[in-house]
Amino acid sequence: MVQREYVKTPKKDVTVSKSLGELSVMASKADFHPWPFKVNKVKIIKNKVGLVVVANNKSYALNGSALKKYAEINEIWLNNPNIPKIKIRIGHIIDWALATLK
């Protein structure tokens, strides 16, 4: 069975926070399919380095440029249940974060 990826209609109450040159937004399992993380809710930050996911008080690189400063995301990134040794696609989360955090 092929899973289709989509972002549910964004909530009108999505709040983008700005602090010290960083933009951030909360994302949850209820808003995305497939949800690629082991936790149900994450904070996504866009800063000068790149995109960062914060979960369980730890920061992870969401894109390649953020790997310069942050840990690899594999610790919280789910495996694809249909394809062994492959992670669930994360591109739709990155695309949404980039569009939201302008």
N, C-alpha and C. Protein backbone atom coordinates (compact mmCIF):
# COMPACT_ATOMS: atom_id res chain seq x y z
N MET A 1 0.84 -1.18 0.00
CA MET A 1 0.00 0.00 0.00
C MET A 1 0.88 1.25 0.00
N VAL A 2 0.64 2.16 -0.89
CA VAL A 2 1.39 3.41 -0.98
C VAL A 2 0.70 4.45 -0.12
N GLN A 3 1.50 5.07 0.78
CA GLN A 3 0.95 6.14 1.60
C GLN A 3 1.10 7.45 0.86
N ARG A 4 0.04 8.21 0.79
CA ARG A 4 0.11 9.53 0.20
C ARG A 4 0.49 10.52 1.29
N GLU A 5 1.32 11.47 0.92
CA GLU A 5 1.76 12.46 1.88
C GLU A 5 1.01 13.76 1.62
N TYR A 6 0.61 14.38 2.66
CA TYR A 6 -0.07 15.65 2.54
C TYR A 6 0.00 16.38 3.86
N VAL A 7 -0.20 17.66 3.78
CA VAL A 7 -0.34 18.46 4.99
C VAL A 7 -1.81 18.78 5.09
N LYS A 8 -2.40 18.47 6.22
CA LYS A 8 -3.79 18.83 6.42
C LYS A 8 -3.91 20.35 6.32
N THR A 9 -5.10 20.84 6.08
CA THR A 9 -5.31 22.27 6.00
C THR A 9 -4.76 22.94 7.26
N PRO A 10 -3.82 23.89 7.07
CA PRO A 10 -3.23 24.53 8.25
C PRO A 10 -4.29 25.19 9.12
N LYS A 11 -4.08 25.08 10.40
CA LYS A 11 -4.99 25.72 11.33
C LYS A 11 -4.84 27.23 11.22
N LYS A 12 -5.92 27.93 11.44
CA LYS A 12 -5.85 29.39 11.41
C LYS A 12 -5.09 29.93 12.62
N ASP A 13 -4.96 29.14 13.66
CA ASP A 13 -4.31 29.62 14.87
C ASP A 13 -2.83 29.25 14.95
N VAL A 14 -2.20 28.94 13.79
CA VAL A 14 -0.76 28.68 13.79
C VAL A 14 -0.07 29.98 14.17
N THR A 15 0.76 29.92 15.19
CA THR A 15 1.45 31.10 15.68
C THR A 15 2.93 30.98 15.39
N VAL A 16 3.46 31.96 14.70
CA VAL A 16 4.89 32.03 14.45
C VAL A 16 5.48 32.99 15.47
N SER A 17 6.45 32.50 16.22
CA SER A 17 7.10 33.32 17.23
C SER A 17 8.44 33.81 16.71
N LYS A 18 8.81 35.02 17.13
CA LYS A 18 10.10 35.58 16.72
C LYS A 18 10.87 35.96 17.97
N SER A 19 12.11 35.46 18.07
CA SER A 19 12.93 35.74 19.23
C SER A 19 14.40 35.71 18.83
N LEU A 20 15.11 36.78 19.09
CA LEU A 20 16.55 36.85 18.84
C LEU A 20 16.93 36.42 17.43
N GLY A 21 16.19 36.87 16.44
CA GLY A 21 16.50 36.56 15.06
C GLY A 21 16.06 35.18 14.61
N GLU A 22 15.33 34.47 15.46
CA GLU A 22 14.82 33.14 15.10
C GLU A 22 13.31 33.19 14.97
N LEU A 23 12.80 32.40 14.03
CA LEU A 23 11.36 32.21 13.90
C LEU A 23 11.05 30.78 14.32
N SER A 24 9.92 30.58 14.98
CA SER A 24 9.57 29.21 15.39
C SER A 24 8.07 28.99 15.29
N VAL A 25 7.71 27.71 15.18
CA VAL A 25 6.32 27.30 15.09
C VAL A 25 6.20 25.88 15.66
N MET A 26 5.06 25.58 16.23
CA MET A 26 4.80 24.24 16.75
C MET A 26 4.14 23.40 15.65
N ALA A 27 4.49 22.12 15.60
CA ALA A 27 3.88 21.19 14.66
C ALA A 27 3.52 19.93 15.44
N SER A 28 2.41 19.30 15.05
CA SER A 28 1.98 18.10 15.78
C SER A 28 1.54 16.99 14.82
N LYS A 29 1.50 15.81 15.38
CA LYS A 29 1.09 14.62 14.63
C LYS A 29 -0.31 14.78 14.04
N ALA A 30 -1.16 15.52 14.72
CA ALA A 30 -2.54 15.72 14.25
C ALA A 30 -2.61 16.54 12.96
N ASP A 31 -1.54 17.27 12.64
CA ASP A 31 -1.56 18.16 11.49
C ASP A 31 -0.90 17.61 10.23
N PHE A 32 -0.19 16.49 10.33
CA PHE A 32 0.57 15.98 9.20
C PHE A 32 0.38 14.48 9.03
N HIS A 33 0.43 14.06 7.76
CA HIS A 33 0.41 12.63 7.46
C HIS A 33 1.31 12.39 6.26
N PRO A 34 2.30 11.57 6.36
CA PRO A 34 2.65 10.83 7.56
C PRO A 34 3.44 11.71 8.52
N TRP A 35 3.38 11.38 9.78
CA TRP A 35 4.14 12.08 10.81
C TRP A 35 5.46 11.34 10.97
N PRO A 36 6.60 12.00 10.77
CA PRO A 36 7.87 11.29 10.74
C PRO A 36 8.62 11.19 12.08
N PHE A 37 8.04 11.71 13.16
CA PHE A 37 8.77 11.77 14.41
C PHE A 37 8.22 10.81 15.47
N LYS A 38 9.09 10.40 16.40
CA LYS A 38 8.71 9.51 17.49
C LYS A 38 7.93 10.23 18.58
N VAL A 39 7.94 11.55 18.56
CA VAL A 39 7.19 12.35 19.54
C VAL A 39 5.97 12.94 18.84
N ASN A 40 4.94 13.29 19.60
CA ASN A 40 3.69 13.77 19.01
C ASN A 40 3.68 15.25 18.66
N LYS A 41 4.63 16.01 19.21
CA LYS A 41 4.66 17.44 18.97
C LYS A 41 6.12 17.90 18.96
N VAL A 42 6.45 18.82 18.04
CA VAL A 42 7.79 19.39 17.98
C VAL A 42 7.71 20.89 17.77
N LYS A 43 8.77 21.55 18.13
CA LYS A 43 8.93 22.97 17.82
C LYS A 43 9.93 23.03 16.68
N ILE A 44 9.60 23.78 15.64
CA ILE A 44 10.50 23.93 14.50
C ILE A 44 11.00 25.37 14.51
N ILE A 45 12.32 25.51 14.43
CA ILE A 45 12.96 26.82 14.47
C ILE A 45 13.72 27.05 13.17
N LYS A 46 13.58 28.26 12.65
CA LYS A 46 14.40 28.68 11.51
C LYS A 46 15.34 29.76 12.04
N ASN A 47 16.65 29.50 11.94
CA ASN A 47 17.62 30.48 12.38
C ASN A 47 18.66 30.69 11.30
N LYS A 48 19.74 31.38 11.60
CA LYS A 48 20.78 31.66 10.61
C LYS A 48 21.47 30.39 10.11
N VAL A 49 21.46 29.35 10.91
CA VAL A 49 22.13 28.09 10.55
C VAL A 49 21.25 27.24 9.63
N GLY A 50 19.96 27.18 9.90
CA GLY A 50 19.04 26.36 9.11
C GLY A 50 17.77 26.06 9.88
N LEU A 51 17.15 24.92 9.58
CA LEU A 51 15.93 24.49 10.27
C LEU A 51 16.29 23.50 11.37
N VAL A 52 15.69 23.71 12.52
CA VAL A 52 15.98 22.91 13.70
C VAL A 52 14.67 22.40 14.29
N VAL A 53 14.66 21.14 14.74
CA VAL A 53 13.52 20.57 15.44
C VAL A 53 13.90 20.43 16.91
N VAL A 54 13.02 20.88 17.79
CA VAL A 54 13.25 20.72 19.22
C VAL A 54 12.20 19.74 19.74
N ALA A 55 12.68 18.67 20.36
CA ALA A 55 11.80 17.66 20.96
C ALA A 55 12.47 17.16 22.23
N ASN A 56 11.69 17.03 23.27
CA ASN A 56 12.22 16.55 24.55
C ASN A 56 13.43 17.37 25.01
N ASN A 57 13.34 18.69 24.81
CA ASN A 57 14.40 19.63 25.23
C ASN A 57 15.74 19.39 24.54
N LYS A 58 15.73 18.77 23.37
CA LYS A 58 16.96 18.55 22.60
C LYS A 58 16.74 19.07 21.18
N SER A 59 17.77 19.68 20.63
CA SER A 59 17.69 20.26 19.28
C SER A 59 18.33 19.35 18.25
N TYR A 60 17.65 19.21 17.10
CA TYR A 60 18.10 18.35 16.01
C TYR A 60 18.07 19.12 14.70
N ALA A 61 19.01 18.82 13.81
CA ALA A 61 19.04 19.43 12.49
C ALA A 61 17.90 18.86 11.65
N LEU A 62 17.08 19.74 11.09
CA LEU A 62 16.00 19.30 10.21
C LEU A 62 16.45 19.34 8.75
N ASN A 63 17.42 20.18 8.45
CA ASN A 63 17.96 20.20 7.08
C ASN A 63 19.49 20.14 7.15
N GLY A 64 20.11 19.93 6.01
CA GLY A 64 21.55 19.73 5.94
C GLY A 64 22.38 20.86 6.49
N SER A 65 21.97 22.10 6.24
CA SER A 65 22.76 23.22 6.71
C SER A 65 22.81 23.30 8.24
N ALA A 66 21.78 22.82 8.91
CA ALA A 66 21.75 22.85 10.38
C ALA A 66 22.66 21.79 11.00
N LEU A 67 23.13 20.83 10.21
CA LEU A 67 24.02 19.79 10.73
C LEU A 67 25.36 20.35 11.21
N LYS A 68 25.68 21.57 10.79
CA LYS A 68 26.92 22.21 11.22
C LYS A 68 26.94 22.44 12.73
N LYS A 69 25.73 22.62 13.30
CA LYS A 69 25.65 23.00 14.71
C LYS A 69 24.81 22.05 15.57
N TYR A 70 23.88 21.31 14.96
CA TYR A 70 22.92 20.52 15.72
C TYR A 70 23.06 19.02 15.46
N ALA A 71 22.54 18.23 16.38
CA ALA A 71 22.60 16.77 16.29
C ALA A 71 21.78 16.25 15.11
N GLU A 72 22.17 15.07 14.62
CA GLU A 72 21.37 14.42 13.57
C GLU A 72 20.01 14.05 14.12
N ILE A 73 19.01 14.08 13.27
CA ILE A 73 17.62 13.88 13.68
C ILE A 73 17.25 12.40 13.84
N ASN A 74 18.14 11.49 13.48
CA ASN A 74 17.81 10.06 13.48
C ASN A 74 17.25 9.55 14.80
N GLU A 75 17.64 10.16 15.91
CA GLU A 75 17.16 9.72 17.23
C GLU A 75 15.64 9.81 17.38
N ILE A 76 15.02 10.77 16.69
CA ILE A 76 13.56 10.93 16.80
C ILE A 76 12.83 10.68 15.48
N TRP A 77 13.54 10.27 14.44
CA TRP A 77 12.98 10.07 13.11
C TRP A 77 12.53 8.62 12.97
N LEU A 78 11.26 8.42 12.66
CA LEU A 78 10.68 7.07 12.55
C LEU A 78 11.10 6.35 11.28
N ASN A 79 11.23 5.04 11.40
CA ASN A 79 11.44 4.18 10.23
C ASN A 79 10.13 4.01 9.49
N ASN A 80 10.22 3.82 8.19
CA ASN A 80 9.04 3.55 7.37
C ASN A 80 8.60 2.11 7.64
N PRO A 81 7.37 1.90 8.11
CA PRO A 81 6.93 0.54 8.42
C PRO A 81 6.78 -0.35 7.19
N ASN A 82 6.70 0.27 5.99
CA ASN A 82 6.50 -0.49 4.77
C ASN A 82 7.78 -0.81 4.01
N ILE A 83 8.87 -0.09 4.34
CA ILE A 83 10.13 -0.28 3.62
C ILE A 83 11.26 -0.40 4.64
N PRO A 84 11.80 -1.59 4.82
CA PRO A 84 12.87 -1.79 5.80
C PRO A 84 14.08 -0.88 5.55
N LYS A 85 14.66 -0.39 6.63
CA LYS A 85 15.87 0.45 6.62
C LYS A 85 15.69 1.81 5.97
N ILE A 86 14.47 2.22 5.74
CA ILE A 86 14.17 3.53 5.16
C ILE A 86 13.35 4.33 6.16
N LYS A 87 13.65 5.62 6.26
CA LYS A 87 12.90 6.51 7.16
C LYS A 87 11.64 7.02 6.47
N ILE A 88 10.67 7.44 7.26
CA ILE A 88 9.48 8.10 6.72
C ILE A 88 9.92 9.42 6.11
N ARG A 89 9.38 9.74 4.97
CA ARG A 89 9.74 10.97 4.27
C ARG A 89 9.47 12.18 5.16
N ILE A 90 10.39 13.14 5.12
CA ILE A 90 10.30 14.31 5.99
C ILE A 90 10.18 15.62 5.19
N GLY A 91 10.26 15.51 3.87
CA GLY A 91 10.25 16.69 3.00
C GLY A 91 9.04 17.58 3.15
N HIS A 92 7.87 16.99 3.38
CA HIS A 92 6.67 17.80 3.51
C HIS A 92 6.71 18.66 4.78
N ILE A 93 7.40 18.21 5.81
CA ILE A 93 7.56 19.00 7.03
C ILE A 93 8.50 20.17 6.76
N ILE A 94 9.60 19.89 6.06
CA ILE A 94 10.56 20.95 5.70
C ILE A 94 9.90 21.99 4.82
N ASP A 95 9.16 21.57 3.80
CA ASP A 95 8.48 22.50 2.90
C ASP A 95 7.50 23.38 3.67
N TRP A 96 6.71 22.78 4.55
CA TRP A 96 5.75 23.54 5.35
C TRP A 96 6.46 24.54 6.25
N ALA A 97 7.53 24.11 6.90
CA ALA A 97 8.26 24.99 7.82
C ALA A 97 8.86 26.18 7.05
N LEU A 98 9.45 25.93 5.90
CA LEU A 98 10.02 27.02 5.12
C LEU A 98 8.96 28.01 4.66
N ALA A 99 7.79 27.50 4.27
CA ALA A 99 6.70 28.38 3.83
C ALA A 99 6.09 29.15 5.00
N THR A 100 6.05 28.55 6.16
CA THR A 100 5.43 29.18 7.33
C THR A 100 6.36 30.17 8.01
N LEU A 101 7.63 29.84 8.05
CA LEU A 101 8.60 30.66 8.78
C LEU A 101 9.32 31.64 7.83
N LYS A 102 8.55 32.56 7.29
CA LYS A 102 9.10 33.58 6.37
C LYS A 102 9.34 34.87 7.10
